[in-house]
C-alpha atoms as a PDB file:
ATOM      1  CA  MET A   1      10.847  14.458   8.314  1.00  0.00           C
ATOM      2  CA  ASN A   2      10.161  10.844   8.929  1.00  0.00           C
ATOM      3  CA  LYS A   3      12.295   8.294   6.924  1.00  0.00           C
ATOM      4  CA  ILE A   4      10.842   7.663   3.436  1.00  0.00           C
ATOM      5  CA  LYS A   5      10.140   4.022   2.836  1.00  0.00           C
ATOM      6  CA  VAL A   6       9.860   2.375  -0.541  1.00  0.00           C
ATOM      7  CA  PHE A   7       7.660  -0.833  -0.799  1.00  0.00           C
ATOM      8  CA  PRO A   8       7.943  -2.488  -4.244  1.00  0.00           C
ATOM      9  CA  SER A   9       4.617  -3.850  -5.551  1.00  0.00           C
ATOM     10  CA  LEU A  10       4.854  -7.560  -6.389  1.00  0.00           C
ATOM     11  CA  LEU A  11       2.024  -7.018  -8.831  1.00  0.00           C
ATOM     12  CA  ALA A  12       4.681  -5.869 -11.404  1.00  0.00           C
ATOM     13  CA  ALA A  13       6.992  -8.706 -10.642  1.00  0.00           C
ATOM     14  CA  ASN A  14       7.663 -11.817 -12.835  1.00  0.00           C
ATOM     15  CA  PHE A  15       5.200 -14.293 -11.276  1.00  0.00           C
ATOM     16  CA  SER A  16       6.957 -17.256 -12.943  1.00  0.00           C
ATOM     17  CA  ASP A  17      10.099 -16.430 -10.847  1.00  0.00           C
ATOM     18  CA  ILE A  18       8.408 -14.830  -7.861  1.00  0.00           C
ATOM     19  CA  GLU A  19      10.888 -16.131  -5.198  1.00  0.00           C
ATOM     20  CA  ASN A  20      13.920 -14.894  -7.114  1.00  0.00           C
ATOM     21  CA  GLU A  21      12.254 -11.467  -7.586  1.00  0.00           C
ATOM     22  CA  ILE A  22      11.523 -11.215  -3.890  1.00  0.00           C
ATOM     23  CA  LYS A  23      15.194 -12.031  -3.238  1.00  0.00           C
ATOM     24  CA  LYS A  24      16.545  -9.484  -5.581  1.00  0.00           C
ATOM     25  CA  ILE A  25      14.272  -6.659  -4.408  1.00  0.00           C
ATOM     26  CA  GLN A  26      15.061  -7.211  -0.800  1.00  0.00           C
ATOM     27  CA  GLU A  27      18.850  -7.179  -1.471  1.00  0.00           C
ATOM     28  CA  ALA A  28      18.290  -4.017  -3.415  1.00  0.00           C
ATOM     29  CA  GLY A  29      17.188  -2.129  -0.376  1.00  0.00           C
ATOM     30  CA  ALA A  30      13.337  -2.302  -0.392  1.00  0.00           C
ATOM     31  CA  ASP A  31      11.983  -1.367   3.076  1.00  0.00           C
ATOM     32  CA  GLY A  32       9.031  -3.602   2.670  1.00  0.00           C
ATOM     33  CA  ILE A  33       7.068  -5.704   0.200  1.00  0.00           C
ATOM     34  CA  HIS A  34       3.630  -4.647  -1.095  1.00  0.00           C
ATOM     35  CA  LEU A  35       0.738  -7.055  -2.036  1.00  0.00           C
ATOM     36  CA  ASP A  36      -2.379  -5.992  -3.849  1.00  0.00           C
ATOM     37  CA  VAL A  37      -5.053  -8.532  -3.207  1.00  0.00           C
ATOM     38  CA  MET A  38      -7.968  -8.428  -5.557  1.00  0.00           C
ATOM     39  CA  ASP A  39     -11.164 -10.443  -5.690  1.00  0.00           C
ATOM     40  CA  ASN A  40     -12.719  -9.603  -9.149  1.00  0.00           C
ATOM     41  CA  LYS A  41     -15.623  -8.105  -7.157  1.00  0.00           C
ATOM     42  CA  TYR A  42     -14.518  -4.847  -5.654  1.00  0.00           C
ATOM     43  CA  VAL A  43     -12.286  -4.363  -8.570  1.00  0.00           C
ATOM     44  CA  PRO A  44     -12.487  -6.029 -12.008  1.00  0.00           C
ATOM     45  CA  ASN A  45      -9.350  -8.169 -11.628  1.00  0.00           C
ATOM     46  CA  MET A  46      -7.914 -10.954  -9.432  1.00  0.00           C
ATOM     47  CA  SER A  47      -4.612 -11.233  -7.753  1.00  0.00           C
ATOM     48  CA  PHE A  48      -2.764 -12.919  -4.983  1.00  0.00           C
ATOM     49  CA  PRO A  49      -5.204 -15.206  -3.367  1.00  0.00           C
ATOM     50  CA  VAL A  50      -4.351 -16.776  -0.108  1.00  0.00           C
ATOM     51  CA  GLU A  51      -3.134 -19.959  -1.771  1.00  0.00           C
ATOM     52  CA  LYS A  52      -0.660 -17.957  -3.968  1.00  0.00           C
ATOM     53  CA  ILE A  53       0.685 -15.871  -1.078  1.00  0.00           C
ATOM     54  CA  ASN A  54       1.187 -19.062   1.007  1.00  0.00           C
ATOM     55  CA  SER A  55       3.563 -20.323  -1.666  1.00  0.00           C
ATOM     56  CA  PHE A  56       6.197 -17.602  -1.204  1.00  0.00           C
ATOM     57  CA  TYR A  57       5.379 -15.400   1.731  1.00  0.00           C
ATOM     58  CA  LYS A  58       8.048 -17.155   3.974  1.00  0.00           C
ATOM     59  CA  LYS A  59      10.703 -15.807   1.499  1.00  0.00           C
ATOM     60  CA  ILE A  60       9.799 -12.293   2.544  1.00  0.00           C
ATOM     61  CA  SER A  61      12.083 -10.984   5.389  1.00  0.00           C
ATOM     62  CA  GLN A  62      11.154  -7.281   5.011  1.00  0.00           C
ATOM     63  CA  PRO A  63       7.790  -5.912   6.476  1.00  0.00           C
ATOM     64  CA  LEU A  64       4.910  -7.188   4.503  1.00  0.00           C
ATOM     65  CA  ASP A  65       2.259  -4.637   3.351  1.00  0.00           C
ATOM     66  CA  ILE A  66      -1.139  -6.200   2.300  1.00  0.00           C
ATOM     67  CA  HIS A  67      -3.652  -4.038   0.519  1.00  0.00           C
ATOM     68  CA  LEU A  68      -7.182  -5.751   0.400  1.00  0.00           C
ATOM     69  CA  MET A  69      -9.064  -4.586  -2.717  1.00  0.00           C
ATOM     70  CA  ILE A  70     -11.862  -6.921  -1.906  1.00  0.00           C
ATOM     71  CA  GLU A  71     -15.587  -6.870  -0.849  1.00  0.00           C
ATOM     72  CA  LYS A  72     -16.347  -7.790   2.698  1.00  0.00           C
ATOM     73  CA  PRO A  73     -12.835  -7.977   4.008  1.00  0.00           C
ATOM     74  CA  GLU A  74     -14.099  -8.764   7.505  1.00  0.00           C
ATOM     75  CA  GLU A  75     -15.042 -12.251   6.205  1.00  0.00           C
ATOM     76  CA  VAL A  76     -11.528 -13.190   5.192  1.00  0.00           C
ATOM     77  CA  ILE A  77      -9.387 -11.076   7.305  1.00  0.00           C
ATOM     78  CA  GLU A  78      -8.140 -13.918   9.530  1.00  0.00           C
ATOM     79  CA  SER A  79      -6.549 -15.735   6.480  1.00  0.00           C
ATOM     80  CA  PHE A  80      -4.461 -12.685   5.612  1.00  0.00           C
ATOM     81  CA  LEU A  81      -3.428 -12.026   9.156  1.00  0.00           C
ATOM     82  CA  GLU A  82      -1.817 -15.401   9.151  1.00  0.00           C
ATOM     83  CA  PHE A  83       0.883 -14.105   6.964  1.00  0.00           C
ATOM     84  CA  ASN A  84       1.955 -11.767   9.753  1.00  0.00           C
ATOM     85  CA  PRO A  85       1.844  -8.424   7.847  1.00  0.00           C
ATOM     86  CA  VAL A  86       3.241  -5.350   9.367  1.00  0.00           C
ATOM     87  CA  TYR A  87       0.793  -3.217   7.404  1.00  0.00           C
ATOM     88  CA  LEU A  88      -2.727  -4.239   6.276  1.00  0.00           C
ATOM     89  CA  SER A  89      -5.213  -1.795   4.637  1.00  0.00           C
ATOM     90  CA  PHE A  90      -8.791  -2.190   3.273  1.00  0.00           C
ATOM     91  CA  HIS A  91     -11.472   0.110   1.653  1.00  0.00           C
ATOM     92  CA  VAL A  92     -13.977   1.609   4.086  1.00  0.00           C
ATOM     93  CA  GLU A  93     -16.746   1.359   1.484  1.00  0.00           C
ATOM     94  CA  ALA A  94     -16.247  -2.347   0.990  1.00  0.00           C
ATOM     95  CA  CYS A  95     -16.630  -3.092   4.727  1.00  0.00           C
ATOM     96  CA  SER A  96     -19.774  -3.292   6.911  1.00  0.00           C
ATOM     97  CA  ASP A  97     -17.965  -2.305  10.217  1.00  0.00           C
ATOM     98  CA  PRO A  98     -14.750  -0.493   9.518  1.00  0.00           C
ATOM     99  CA  LYS A  99     -14.084   0.306  13.182  1.00  0.00           C
ATOM    100  CA  GLU A 100     -14.430  -3.373  14.359  1.00  0.00           C
ATOM    101  CA  LEU A 101     -12.185  -4.511  11.574  1.00  0.00           C
ATOM    102  CA  ILE A 102      -9.493  -1.870  12.419  1.00  0.00           C
ATOM    103  CA  GLN A 103      -9.494  -3.101  15.934  1.00  0.00           C
ATOM    104  CA  LYS A 104      -9.241  -6.716  14.914  1.00  0.00           C
ATOM    105  CA  ILE A 105      -6.092  -5.951  12.732  1.00  0.00           C
ATOM    106  CA  LYS A 106      -4.498  -3.985  15.548  1.00  0.00           C
ATOM    107  CA  SER A 107      -5.206  -6.724  17.944  1.00  0.00           C
ATOM    108  CA  LYS A 108      -2.833  -8.990  15.998  1.00  0.00           C
ATOM    109  CA  ASN A 109      -0.036  -6.410  16.436  1.00  0.00           C
ATOM    110  CA  CYS A 110      -0.422  -5.233  12.838  1.00  0.00           C
ATOM    111  CA  LYS A 111      -0.781  -1.620  11.634  1.00  0.00           C
ATOM    112  CA  ALA A 112      -4.264  -1.033  10.372  1.00  0.00           C
ATOM    113  CA  GLY A 113      -4.901   1.169   7.453  1.00  0.00           C
ATOM    114  CA  LEU A 114      -7.671   2.567   5.294  1.00  0.00           C
ATOM    115  CA  ALA A 115      -7.244   2.875   1.506  1.00  0.00           C
ATOM    116  CA  VAL A 116      -8.638   5.766  -0.473  1.00  0.00           C
ATOM    117  CA  ASN A 117      -9.426   4.951  -4.013  1.00  0.00           C
ATOM    118  CA  SER A 118      -8.849   7.596  -6.705  1.00  0.00           C
ATOM    119  CA  LYS A 119     -12.555   8.665  -6.942  1.00  0.00           C
ATOM    120  CA  ILE A 120     -13.181   8.445  -3.148  1.00  0.00           C
ATOM    121  CA  GLU A 121     -12.939  11.547  -0.934  1.00  0.00           C
ATOM    122  CA  VAL A 122     -10.770  11.846   2.227  1.00  0.00           C
ATOM    123  CA  ASN A 123     -13.992  12.582   4.121  1.00  0.00           C
ATOM    124  CA  SER A 124     -15.092   8.975   3.769  1.00  0.00           C
ATOM    125  CA  ILE A 125     -12.408   7.863   6.276  1.00  0.00           C
ATOM    126  CA  LEU A 126     -12.390  10.839   8.709  1.00  0.00           C
ATOM    127  CA  PRO A 127     -14.697   9.068  11.327  1.00  0.00           C
ATOM    128  CA  PHE A 128     -11.863   6.533  11.762  1.00  0.00           C
ATOM    129  CA  ILE A 129      -8.756   8.812  11.406  1.00  0.00           C
ATOM    130  CA  GLU A 130      -7.794   8.586  14.984  1.00  0.00           C
ATOM    131  CA  GLU A 131      -8.030   4.810  15.076  1.00  0.00           C
ATOM    132  CA  ILE A 132      -5.779   3.974  12.053  1.00  0.00           C
ATOM    133  CA  ASP A 133      -1.882   3.748  11.785  1.00  0.00           C
ATOM    134  CA  PHE A 134      -1.845   4.726   8.048  1.00  0.00           C
ATOM    135  CA  VAL A 135      -3.759   5.889   5.030  1.00  0.00           C
ATOM    136  CA  LEU A 136      -3.141   4.453   1.611  1.00  0.00           C
ATOM    137  CA  VAL A 137      -3.910   7.108  -1.107  1.00  0.00           C
ATOM    138  CA  MET A 138      -4.452   5.521  -4.542  1.00  0.00           C
ATOM    139  CA  THR A 139      -3.161   7.618  -7.308  1.00  0.00           C
ATOM    140  CA  VAL A 140      -4.759   5.450 -10.000  1.00  0.00           C
ATOM    141  CA  ASN A 141      -7.979   3.645 -10.169  1.00  0.00           C
ATOM    142  CA  ALA A 142      -7.621   0.485  -7.968  1.00  0.00           C
ATOM    143  CA  GLY A 143      -7.579  -2.751  -9.964  1.00  0.00           C
ATOM    144  CA  PHE A 144      -4.805  -2.674 -12.472  1.00  0.00           C
ATOM    145  CA  GLY A 145      -1.004  -2.243 -12.536  1.00  0.00           C
ATOM    146  CA  GLY A 146       0.939   0.002 -14.822  1.00  0.00           C
ATOM    147  CA  GLN A 147      -1.715   2.910 -14.925  1.00  0.00           C
ATOM    148  CA  LYS A 148      -0.893   6.481 -15.407  1.00  0.00           C
ATOM    149  CA  PHE A 149      -0.470   8.711 -12.316  1.00  0.00           C
ATOM    150  CA  ILE A 150      -3.539  10.939 -11.552  1.00  0.00           C
ATOM    151  CA  GLU A 151      -2.117  14.217 -10.503  1.00  0.00           C
ATOM    152  CA  GLU A 152      -5.150  15.535  -8.719  1.00  0.00           C
ATOM    153  CA  ASN A 153      -4.773  13.095  -5.919  1.00  0.00           C
ATOM    154  CA  ILE A 154      -1.728  14.858  -4.585  1.00  0.00           C
ATOM    155  CA  ASN A 155      -4.317  17.213  -3.018  1.00  0.00           C
ATOM    156  CA  LYS A 156      -5.667  14.323  -0.897  1.00  0.00           C
ATOM    157  CA  ILE A 157      -2.108  13.794   0.520  1.00  0.00           C
ATOM    158  CA  LYS A 158      -1.824  17.494   1.358  1.00  0.00           C
ATOM    159  CA  GLU A 159      -5.214  17.298   3.056  1.00  0.00           C
ATOM    160  CA  LEU A 160      -4.184  14.402   5.145  1.00  0.00           C
ATOM    161  CA  ASP A 161      -0.817  15.912   6.047  1.00  0.00           C
ATOM    162  CA  LYS A 162      -2.554  19.127   7.115  1.00  0.00           C
ATOM    163  CA  LEU A 163      -5.030  17.029   9.233  1.00  0.00           C
ATOM    164  CA  ARG A 164      -2.214  15.095  10.767  1.00  0.00           C
ATOM    165  CA  LYS A 165      -0.436  18.267  11.888  1.00  0.00           C
ATOM    166  CA  GLU A 166      -3.593  20.035  13.100  1.00  0.00           C
ATOM    167  CA  LYS A 167      -4.777  17.051  15.171  1.00  0.00           C
ATOM    168  CA  ASN A 168      -1.195  16.008  16.283  1.00  0.00           C
ATOM    169  CA  LEU A 169      -1.692  12.515  14.786  1.00  0.00           C
ATOM    170  CA  PHE A 170       0.934  10.127  13.821  1.00  0.00           C
ATOM    171  CA  PHE A 171      -0.526   8.072  10.962  1.00  0.00           C
ATOM    172  CA  GLU A 172       1.693   7.447   7.964  1.00  0.00           C
ATOM    173  CA  ILE A 173       0.633   8.372   4.460  1.00  0.00           C
ATOM    174  CA  GLU A 174       1.331   5.738   1.864  1.00  0.00           C
ATOM    175  CA  VAL A 175       0.844   6.215  -1.930  1.00  0.00           C
ATOM    176  CA  ASP A 176       0.269   3.690  -4.628  1.00  0.00           C
ATOM    177  CA  GLY A 177      -0.401   4.054  -8.340  1.00  0.00           C
ATOM    178  CA  GLY A 178       1.745   5.187 -11.185  1.00  0.00           C
ATOM    179  CA  VAL A 179       4.627   6.376  -8.886  1.00  0.00           C
ATOM    180  CA  ASN A 180       7.850   7.007 -10.613  1.00  0.00           C
ATOM    181  CA  THR A 181      11.123   8.770 -10.017  1.00  0.00           C
ATOM    182  CA  GLU A 182       9.731  11.979 -11.337  1.00  0.00           C
ATOM    183  CA  ASN A 183       6.477  12.485  -9.374  1.00  0.00           C
ATOM    184  CA  SER A 184       7.851  10.751  -6.095  1.00  0.00           C
ATOM    185  CA  LYS A 185       9.419  14.145  -5.217  1.00  0.00           C
ATOM    186  CA  LYS A 186       6.126  15.835  -5.354  1.00  0.00           C
ATOM    187  CA  LEU A 187       4.556  13.074  -3.287  1.00  0.00           C
ATOM    188  CA  ILE A 188       7.152  13.352  -0.511  1.00  0.00           C
ATOM    189  CA  SER A 189       6.923  17.132  -0.489  1.00  0.00           C
ATOM    190  CA  ALA A 190       3.101  16.789   0.021  1.00  0.00           C
ATOM    191  CA  GLY A 191       3.569  14.525   2.985  1.00  0.00           C
ATOM    192  CA  THR A 192       4.104  10.985   1.783  1.00  0.00           C
ATOM    193  CA  ASN A 193       5.933   8.557   4.072  1.00  0.00           C
ATOM    194  CA  ILE A 194       5.631   5.334   2.193  1.00  0.00           C
ATOM    195  CA  ILE A 195       5.929   5.045  -1.513  1.00  0.00           C
ATOM    196  CA  VAL A 196       4.642   1.931  -3.430  1.00  0.00           C
ATOM    197  CA  SER A 197       5.991   1.398  -6.808  1.00  0.00           C
ATOM    198  CA  GLY A 198       5.745  -1.484  -9.201  1.00  0.00           C
ATOM    199  CA  SER A 199       6.677  -1.140 -12.814  1.00  0.00           C
ATOM    200  CA  THR A 200       9.089   1.612 -12.216  1.00  0.00           C
ATOM    201  CA  ILE A 201      11.170  -0.658 -10.112  1.00  0.00           C
ATOM    202  CA  PHE A 202      10.768  -4.125 -11.705  1.00  0.00           C
ATOM    203  CA  LYS A 203      11.327  -2.746 -15.287  1.00  0.00           C
ATOM    204  CA  SER A 204      14.332  -0.805 -14.358  1.00  0.00           C
ATOM    205  CA  ASP A 205      17.973  -1.845 -15.096  1.00  0.00           C
ATOM    206  CA  SER A 206      18.908  -1.341 -11.437  1.00  0.00           C
ATOM    207  CA  PHE A 207      16.527  -2.026  -8.615  1.00  0.00           C
ATOM    208  CA  SER A 208      18.709  -0.437  -5.978  1.00  0.00           C
ATOM    209  CA  LYS A 209      19.325   2.699  -7.945  1.00  0.00           C
ATOM    210  CA  THR A 210      15.628   3.209  -8.658  1.00  0.00           C
ATOM    211  CA  ILE A 211      14.768   2.668  -4.926  1.00  0.00           C
ATOM    212  CA  LYS A 212      17.188   5.265  -4.015  1.00  0.00           C
ATOM    213  CA  GLU A 213      15.878   7.758  -6.599  1.00  0.00           C
ATOM    214  CA  LEU A 214      12.373   7.202  -5.445  1.00  0.00           C
ATOM    215  CA  LYS A 215      13.382   8.215  -1.926  1.00  0.00           C
ATOM    216  CA  SER A 216      15.301  11.391  -2.925  1.00  0.00           C
ATOM    217  CA  ILE A 217      13.786  14.806  -2.697  1.00  0.00           C
END
């Protein structure tokens, strides 16, 4: 099995002390840092505009994972690529030409991913499955932190893992939404490689202990 990675989501961090939160989470053993970018259009919320990320991204030494929950990501992609993310994902239904955008992301030596919202079927990304480096499966409805985990979405992870094996592909499966130390084991067993977790980590007494527990089977 590939190494399980945990990317804490800064959406659950203390925004008034964001640099210190980044420092603590990296020292605790995070494998990367996850940013949810929202535009109040694709989802009914706003978070991490370019100006905000610019104020702290240089403090991030671990791989940066940016999830664009925005309409027409192709129009602003260059601004986010300037942060040198290792992972960058967007929603296929929000983009006019997903294949072109995937290639643009990869041309910047960045891993390109497609995000599958809770109510969106895996079929929506199948035309691009051989082009991408990872799939981000949302196990809540995109747009808000701290939501309850939607159990049925585990089936999407199993479907993707089966497809990956049948086609001998190597894309990673990332999961975000209501992930905690109880359901993480099911996610890993289903085929998850990257776990994104916000509240479970940032509200815990020990960041390092929680990260280790999220990785355990």
